[in-house]
Structures are given as C-alpha cells and as structure tokens.
C-alpha atoms as a PDB file:
ATOM      1  CA  MET A   1       0.002  -0.072  -0.044  1.00  0.00           C
ATOM      2  CA  SER A   2       1.481   3.269  -1.005  1.00  0.00           C
ATOM      3  CA  GLU A   3       1.436   6.246   1.253  1.00  0.00           C
ATOM      4  CA  LEU A   4      -0.109   9.274  -0.006  1.00  0.00           C
ATOM      5  CA  LEU A   5       2.079  12.262   0.742  1.00  0.00           C
ATOM      6  CA  PRO A   6       0.336  15.462   1.436  1.00  0.00           C
ATOM      7  CA  SER A   7       0.941  17.733  -1.525  1.00  0.00           C
ATOM      8  CA  ALA A   8       2.930  20.845  -0.818  1.00  0.00           C
ATOM      9  CA  ALA A   9       0.988  24.007  -1.697  1.00  0.00           C
ATOM     10  CA  ALA A  10       2.578  25.148  -4.930  1.00  0.00           C
ATOM     11  CA  GLU A  11       4.344  28.442  -4.368  1.00  0.00           C
ATOM     12  CA  PRO A  12       4.323  30.774  -7.346  1.00  0.00           C
ATOM     13  CA  PRO A  13       7.567  31.448  -8.845  1.00  0.00           C
ATOM     14  CA  PRO A  14       9.327  34.665  -7.639  1.00  0.00           C
ATOM     15  CA  THR A  15       8.496  37.626  -9.879  1.00  0.00           C
ATOM     16  CA  ALA A  16      11.239  39.935 -11.244  1.00  0.00           C
ATOM     17  CA  PRO A  17      11.218  43.405  -9.973  1.00  0.00           C
ATOM     18  CA  PRO A  18       9.686  46.017 -12.511  1.00  0.00           C
ATOM     19  CA  SER A  19      12.180  47.221 -14.886  1.00  0.00           C
ATOM     20  CA  ALA A  20      13.060  50.947 -14.980  1.00  0.00           C
ATOM     21  CA  SER A  21      11.258  51.349 -18.237  1.00  0.00           C
ATOM     22  CA  ASN A  22       8.090  49.870 -16.850  1.00  0.00           C
ATOM     23  CA  ILE A  23       8.419  52.076 -13.795  1.00  0.00           C
ATOM     24  CA  ALA A  24       8.988  55.097 -16.079  1.00  0.00           C
ATOM     25  CA  ARG A  25       5.869  54.228 -18.237  1.00  0.00           C
ATOM     26  CA  GLU A  26       3.600  53.943 -15.104  1.00  0.00           C
ATOM     27  CA  LEU A  27       4.956  57.155 -13.786  1.00  0.00           C
ATOM     28  CA  VAL A  28       4.311  59.006 -17.011  1.00  0.00           C
ATOM     29  CA  ALA A  29       0.767  57.787 -17.261  1.00  0.00           C
ATOM     30  CA  GLY A  30       0.028  58.958 -13.670  1.00  0.00           C
ATOM     31  CA  TYR A  31       1.690  62.287 -14.358  1.00  0.00           C
ATOM     32  CA  GLN A  32      -0.288  62.778 -17.508  1.00  0.00           C
ATOM     33  CA  ALA A  33      -3.549  62.106 -15.559  1.00  0.00           C
ATOM     34  CA  ALA A  34      -2.517  64.603 -12.808  1.00  0.00           C
ATOM     35  CA  ILE A  35      -1.711  67.340 -15.282  1.00  0.00           C
ATOM     36  CA  ALA A  36      -4.982  66.893 -17.128  1.00  0.00           C
ATOM     37  CA  GLU A  37      -6.663  68.761 -14.218  1.00  0.00           C
ATOM     38  CA  ARG A  38      -4.583  71.833 -14.752  1.00  0.00           C
ATOM     39  CA  SER A  39      -4.586  72.483 -11.043  1.00  0.00           C
ATOM     40  CA  LYS A  40      -1.497  72.804  -8.899  1.00  0.00           C
ATOM     41  CA  GLY A  41      -2.902  70.834  -5.843  1.00  0.00           C
ATOM     42  CA  PRO A  42      -3.397  67.437  -7.557  1.00  0.00           C
ATOM     43  CA  ILE A  43       0.010  67.698  -9.473  1.00  0.00           C
ATOM     44  CA  ARG A  44       1.873  68.654  -6.253  1.00  0.00           C
ATOM     45  CA  GLU A  45       0.204  65.800  -4.487  1.00  0.00           C
ATOM     46  CA  TRP A  46       1.067  63.295  -7.262  1.00  0.00           C
ATOM     47  CA  LEU A  47       4.685  64.467  -7.276  1.00  0.00           C
ATOM     48  CA  ALA A  48       4.894  64.137  -3.404  1.00  0.00           C
ATOM     49  CA  GLN A  49       3.407  60.847  -3.449  1.00  0.00           C
ATOM     50  CA  ASN A  50       6.168  59.603  -5.929  1.00  0.00           C
ATOM     51  CA  ASN A  51       8.934  61.037  -3.906  1.00  0.00           C
ATOM     52  CA  SER A  52       9.936  63.668  -6.376  1.00  0.00           C
ATOM     53  CA  ILE A  53      12.959  66.008  -5.822  1.00  0.00           C
ATOM     54  CA  THR A  54      12.779  69.509  -7.186  1.00  0.00           C
ATOM     55  CA  LEU A  55      15.638  70.590  -9.399  1.00  0.00           C
ATOM     56  CA  ASP A  56      16.812  73.976 -10.740  1.00  0.00           C
ATOM     57  CA  ILE A  57      18.618  74.370 -14.081  1.00  0.00           C
ATOM     58  CA  SER A  58      21.761  76.623 -13.988  1.00  0.00           C
ATOM     59  CA  GLU A  59      22.680  78.639 -17.059  1.00  0.00           C
ATOM     60  CA  ASP A  60      25.254  76.049 -17.992  1.00  0.00           C
ATOM     61  CA  GLY A  61      22.563  73.408 -17.866  1.00  0.00           C
ATOM     62  CA  GLN A  62      23.603  71.654 -14.654  1.00  0.00           C
ATOM     63  CA  LEU A  63      20.538  70.320 -12.701  1.00  0.00           C
ATOM     64  CA  MET A  64      20.866  70.988  -8.956  1.00  0.00           C
ATOM     65  CA  PRO A  65      18.454  70.235  -5.977  1.00  0.00           C
ATOM     66  CA  SER A  66      16.437  73.327  -5.066  1.00  0.00           C
ATOM     67  CA  ASP A  67      13.224  74.202  -3.189  1.00  0.00           C
ATOM     68  CA  GLY A  68      11.512  75.886  -6.188  1.00  0.00           C
ATOM     69  CA  GLY A  69      12.905  74.685  -9.303  1.00  0.00           C
ATOM     70  CA  PRO A  70      10.843  74.056 -12.494  1.00  0.00           C
ATOM     71  CA  ILE A  71      11.635  70.394 -12.704  1.00  0.00           C
ATOM     72  CA  ALA A  72      10.725  67.344 -10.716  1.00  0.00           C
ATOM     73  CA  ALA A  73      13.068  64.382 -10.713  1.00  0.00           C
ATOM     74  CA  ILE A  74      11.568  60.934  -9.842  1.00  0.00           C
ATOM     75  CA  MET A  75      13.804  57.977  -9.334  1.00  0.00           C
ATOM     76  CA  VAL A  76      13.265  54.959 -11.483  1.00  0.00           C
ATOM     77  CA  ASP A  77      16.351  52.962 -10.386  1.00  0.00           C
ATOM     78  CA  LYS A  78      19.323  53.683  -8.079  1.00  0.00           C
ATOM     79  CA  ARG A  79      20.992  56.004 -10.568  1.00  0.00           C
ATOM     80  CA  HIS A  80      18.305  57.243 -13.117  1.00  0.00           C
ATOM     81  CA  ALA A  81      15.263  59.505 -12.892  1.00  0.00           C
ATOM     82  CA  ILE A  82      12.651  60.825 -15.059  1.00  0.00           C
ATOM     83  CA  LEU A  83      12.346  64.587 -15.289  1.00  0.00           C
ATOM     84  CA  LEU A  84       8.974  66.261 -15.374  1.00  0.00           C
ATOM     85  CA  PRO A  85       7.631  69.960 -15.228  1.00  0.00           C
ATOM     86  CA  THR A  86       6.477  71.019 -11.787  1.00  0.00           C
ATOM     87  CA  ALA A  87       3.011  71.999 -10.918  1.00  0.00           C
ATOM     88  CA  ALA A  88       3.706  75.698 -11.208  1.00  0.00           C
ATOM     89  CA  PHE A  89       5.127  75.224 -14.849  1.00  0.00           C
ATOM     90  CA  VAL A  90       2.184  73.130 -15.950  1.00  0.00           C
ATOM     91  CA  VAL A  91      -0.499  75.550 -14.507  1.00  0.00           C
ATOM     92  CA  ASP A  92       1.409  78.804 -15.778  1.00  0.00           C
ATOM     93  CA  PHE A  93       2.046  77.095 -19.177  1.00  0.00           C
ATOM     94  CA  ALA A  94      -0.858  78.842 -21.093  1.00  0.00           C
ATOM     95  CA  THR A  95      -0.174  82.261 -19.913  1.00  0.00           C
ATOM     96  CA  ARG A  96       3.635  82.332 -19.691  1.00  0.00           C
ATOM     97  CA  PHE A  97       5.032  79.831 -22.271  1.00  0.00           C
ATOM     98  CA  ALA A  98       2.542  78.436 -24.910  1.00  0.00           C
ATOM     99  CA  ALA A  99       3.080  81.392 -27.247  1.00  0.00           C
ATOM    100  CA  SER A 100       6.835  81.479 -26.793  1.00  0.00           C
ATOM    101  CA  GLN A 101       9.032  78.427 -27.007  1.00  0.00           C
ATOM    102  CA  ILE A 102      11.953  80.838 -26.510  1.00  0.00           C
ATOM    103  CA  SER A 103      10.844  81.855 -23.085  1.00  0.00           C
ATOM    104  CA  MET A 104      10.120  78.058 -22.185  1.00  0.00           C
ATOM    105  CA  ARG A 105      13.695  77.203 -23.223  1.00  0.00           C
ATOM    106  CA  GLN A 106      15.041  80.025 -20.999  1.00  0.00           C
ATOM    107  CA  VAL A 107      13.370  78.319 -18.015  1.00  0.00           C
ATOM    108  CA  MET A 108      13.943  74.722 -19.078  1.00  0.00           C
ATOM    109  CA  ARG A 109      17.555  75.054 -20.560  1.00  0.00           C
ATOM    110  CA  ASN A 110      17.163  72.224 -23.096  1.00  0.00           C
ATOM    111  CA  CYS A 111      15.687  69.759 -20.750  1.00  0.00           C
ATOM    112  CA  PHE A 112      12.624  69.553 -22.992  1.00  0.00           C
ATOM    113  CA  ASP A 113      12.186  69.865 -26.744  1.00  0.00           C
ATOM    114  CA  SER A 114       9.036  71.660 -27.793  1.00  0.00           C
ATOM    115  CA  VAL A 115       6.289  70.723 -30.292  1.00  0.00           C
ATOM    116  CA  ALA A 116       3.881  73.268 -31.708  1.00  0.00           C
ATOM    117  CA  ASP A 117       0.337  71.903 -31.846  1.00  0.00           C
ATOM    118  CA  ASN A 118      -1.574  75.151 -31.163  1.00  0.00           C
ATOM    119  CA  SER A 119      -3.487  73.754 -28.201  1.00  0.00           C
ATOM    120  CA  GLY A 120      -2.094  76.116 -25.571  1.00  0.00           C
ATOM    121  CA  GLU A 121      -2.214  73.334 -22.952  1.00  0.00           C
ATOM    122  CA  MET A 122       1.033  71.610 -21.852  1.00  0.00           C
ATOM    123  CA  ARG A 123       1.216  67.963 -22.686  1.00  0.00           C
ATOM    124  CA  LEU A 124       4.119  65.648 -21.745  1.00  0.00           C
ATOM    125  CA  GLN A 125       5.072  63.546 -24.919  1.00  0.00           C
ATOM    126  CA  ALA A 126       8.119  62.075 -23.381  1.00  0.00           C
ATOM    127  CA  PRO A 127       9.913  62.608 -19.972  1.00  0.00           C
ATOM    128  CA  ALA A 128      13.550  63.885 -19.892  1.00  0.00           C
ATOM    129  CA  ILE A 129      15.915  61.247 -18.514  1.00  0.00           C
ATOM    130  CA  ALA A 130      18.779  62.220 -16.164  1.00  0.00           C
ATOM    131  CA  SER A 131      21.361  60.340 -14.112  1.00  0.00           C
ATOM    132  CA  ARG A 132      22.817  61.046 -10.738  1.00  0.00           C
ATOM    133  CA  ASP A 133      26.382  62.265 -10.416  1.00  0.00           C
ATOM    134  CA  GLY A 134      26.936  62.885  -6.782  1.00  0.00           C
ATOM    135  CA  ASP A 135      24.811  65.886  -5.639  1.00  0.00           C
ATOM    136  CA  ARG A 136      23.934  66.939  -9.143  1.00  0.00           C
ATOM    137  CA  TRP A 137      22.058  65.368 -12.014  1.00  0.00           C
ATOM    138  CA  VAL A 138      23.273  65.079 -15.663  1.00  0.00           C
ATOM    139  CA  LEU A 139      20.675  65.270 -18.524  1.00  0.00           C
ATOM    140  CA  ASP A 140      20.917  61.974 -20.441  1.00  0.00           C
ATOM    141  CA  LYS A 141      18.117  62.647 -22.868  1.00  0.00           C
ATOM    142  CA  PRO A 142      15.764  65.763 -23.330  1.00  0.00           C
ATOM    143  CA  GLY A 143      12.031  65.209 -22.917  1.00  0.00           C
ATOM    144  CA  ARG A 144       9.377  66.579 -25.234  1.00  0.00           C
ATOM    145  CA  LEU A 145       6.521  68.885 -24.485  1.00  0.00           C
ATOM    146  CA  SER A 146       3.711  69.926 -26.743  1.00  0.00           C
ATOM    147  CA  GLY A 147       1.071  72.550 -26.520  1.00  0.00           C
ATOM    148  CA  PHE A 148       2.895  75.608 -28.105  1.00  0.00           C
ATOM    149  CA  THR A 149       1.141  77.861 -30.244  1.00  0.00           C
ATOM    150  CA  ASP A 150       4.164  79.133 -32.347  1.00  0.00           C
ATOM    151  CA  ALA A 151       6.803  77.373 -34.284  1.00  0.00           C
ATOM    152  CA  SER A 152       9.942  79.288 -33.116  1.00  0.00           C
END
C-alpha cells in the first residue's frame, strides 16, 4: 500500500522586480492624468506621493536640487530619474509659455524639446531622463512637451 504524501502547496515562482522602463511608463501615465486637471494641488500631491525631488537648472545646464525649481525628478532605479515639469510650470504654461518656445527654453534650458500643436495646454510627450552624479544630475536625454502655439 503506497502512502499518499500531502501535496505541498505550490508556491508561485518569484517575480522579477519591475524594470526601470516599466516604472517610468507607469509614472508618465500617472503624471499625464494629474496634469490633465490643470490645477497645482493634484499635481503637487502626485509628485509628493512619488517622492519627487525639485531641481533647478543653471545657465550652463547643470541640474541641482532646489526648493523651487521648474523640474521634478523621480527615481526609476538607483541611478536614473525621469524629469517632469513641476505643478507651477504646468499651470502657468498657457499664460507664460504656450506662445513662446523661446521663453520656455530660458526656463527649461534644453531639458525639453518643444512641439507646436496650437493647443495652448502643456502635454508631456516624453519625460527627460537624467542620471545622478553625486549631488547633481546630468541630463541624458531631453524630454518633449507639446502645447505651443508658435513654431519658433
């Protein structure tokens, strides 16, 4: 007579941690939903929930932590972050930047390329990507914003 051994509960195989690109995709989708409201409160709350760090851009393009910079960095792995415009930039976009890509470039310093679509509402087409280098950040790839009403 054979003994029946109790079957061990099958444990699911361990899952791999999400990749940086999957994390970035999820963050971008959440950010796009937050900025659709065009209100500073929900955008600030979303950025805070995702542990963003505010960065300022120097004239030579260096990204440094600051309390009131126009860019929020959110880590996607130990060394890399996506860069997104802060709540103030998003809400002020239509009145301050939509008609002038030049003034936007003065604030964003090549972190974002611009696309004229004549909507007047800022849309994130792609986040900028940066890597950490000590206390500063280095832009690896510019992002892309649309919503401009001129082609300059």
